[in-house]
Amino acid sequence: MQWIKILKNITENGGSRIVLECQVKSSYPVSFNWYRYNNPLDKRRYSIDQTTFRSSIYLNNLKESEAGFYTCEVSNGFQTLTSTGFVRVKNP
């Protein structure tokens, strides 16, 4: 398994919409998990789109309280990869 797209650091104005996306290449099915400061994200609070080898999380109407480190974790049962990016929110 290898990364095709990793998380990047993002700086955006409050009230904006951002997308965090990670993508892998794997010979086996994968599962994705998302974290903020190592705590699992509440999937009811965030919009998450997932395909076979890609996962995206949408942060709509970005708030200062949503700033921080986000981690995408992907596993295929044999290997686990993590990618972390920082979201910085500035005042519009």
Protein backbone atom coordinates (compact mmCIF):
# COMPACT_ATOMS: atom_id res chain seq x y z
CA MET A 1 0.00 0.00 0.00
CA GLN A 2 1.28 3.48 -0.79
CA TRP A 3 0.08 7.05 -0.66
CA ILE A 4 -1.20 8.74 -3.79
CA LYS A 5 -2.45 11.86 -2.00
CA ILE A 6 -1.56 12.94 1.54
CA LEU A 7 -3.02 15.65 3.73
CA LYS A 8 -1.64 19.16 3.38
CA ASN A 9 -1.51 22.10 5.75
CA ILE A 10 -4.30 24.54 4.93
CA THR A 11 -4.86 28.16 5.93
CA GLU A 12 -8.33 29.48 5.16
CA ASN A 13 -10.72 32.23 6.23
CA GLY A 14 -13.42 31.49 8.76
CA GLY A 15 -16.73 30.77 7.05
CA SER A 16 -15.02 29.08 4.11
CA ARG A 17 -15.42 25.50 2.93
CA ILE A 18 -12.38 23.22 2.83
CA VAL A 19 -11.82 19.62 1.80
CA LEU A 20 -9.24 17.34 3.38
CA GLU A 21 -8.47 14.36 1.18
CA CYS A 22 -6.24 11.31 1.27
CA GLN A 23 -5.85 8.57 -1.30
CA VAL A 24 -3.89 5.32 -1.48
CA LYS A 25 -2.98 2.58 -3.92
CA SER A 26 -3.53 -0.91 -2.51
CA SER A 27 -3.89 -4.48 -3.73
CA TYR A 28 -6.39 -5.13 -0.92
CA PRO A 29 -9.57 -3.37 0.28
CA VAL A 30 -8.91 -0.53 2.72
CA SER A 31 -10.73 1.22 5.54
CA PHE A 32 -10.33 4.87 6.52
CA ASN A 33 -10.58 6.62 9.88
CA TRP A 34 -10.34 10.35 10.57
CA TYR A 35 -9.00 12.03 13.71
CA ARG A 36 -8.55 15.54 15.07
CA TYR A 37 -5.83 15.77 17.72
CA ASN A 38 -5.84 11.94 17.80
CA ASN A 39 -9.54 11.82 18.72
CA PRO A 40 -11.93 10.07 16.29
CA LEU A 41 -14.11 12.51 14.35
CA ASP A 42 -17.84 12.35 14.95
CA LYS A 43 -19.10 11.14 11.57
CA ARG A 44 -22.51 12.69 12.27
CA ARG A 45 -20.95 16.14 12.57
CA TYR A 46 -18.72 16.04 9.49
CA SER A 47 -19.51 15.23 5.89
CA ILE A 48 -17.25 12.37 4.80
CA ASP A 49 -17.10 11.02 1.25
CA GLN A 50 -15.38 7.72 0.64
CA THR A 51 -14.61 5.63 -2.43
CA THR A 52 -12.61 2.41 -2.61
CA PHE A 53 -9.19 4.03 -2.16
CA ARG A 54 -9.97 7.69 -1.33
CA SER A 55 -11.56 9.50 1.59
CA SER A 56 -12.49 13.18 1.88
CA ILE A 57 -13.84 15.20 4.76
CA TYR A 58 -15.71 18.46 4.14
CA LEU A 59 -15.61 21.29 6.64
CA ASN A 60 -18.38 23.72 5.72
CA ASN A 61 -18.63 27.19 7.24
CA LEU A 62 -15.19 26.76 8.81
CA LYS A 63 -14.94 27.89 12.45
CA GLU A 64 -11.90 28.83 14.54
CA SER A 65 -12.79 25.94 16.87
CA GLU A 66 -12.15 23.52 13.98
CA ALA A 67 -8.50 24.54 13.61
CA GLY A 68 -5.92 21.92 14.47
CA PHE A 69 -4.22 18.74 13.38
CA TYR A 70 -6.30 16.31 11.31
CA THR A 71 -5.16 12.76 10.59
CA CYS A 72 -6.27 10.32 7.92
CA GLU A 73 -5.58 6.71 8.86
CA VAL A 74 -5.92 3.95 6.27
CA SER A 75 -5.52 0.22 6.79
CA ASN A 76 -5.72 -2.80 4.50
CA GLY A 77 -5.42 -5.41 7.25
CA PHE A 78 -1.70 -5.87 6.63
CA GLN A 79 -0.43 -2.31 6.87
CA THR A 80 -1.61 0.99 8.35
CA LEU A 81 -0.61 4.42 7.04
CA THR A 82 -1.31 7.82 8.59
CA SER A 83 -1.11 11.30 7.13
CA THR A 84 -1.52 14.47 9.21
CA GLY A 85 -2.17 18.05 8.14
CA PHE A 86 -2.82 21.27 10.04
CA VAL A 87 -5.88 23.46 9.46
CA ARG A 88 -5.39 27.12 10.36
CA VAL A 89 -8.41 29.42 10.44
CA LYS A 90 -7.90 33.16 10.00
CA ASN A 91 -10.45 35.92 10.36
CA PRO A 92 -12.00 36.99 7.05
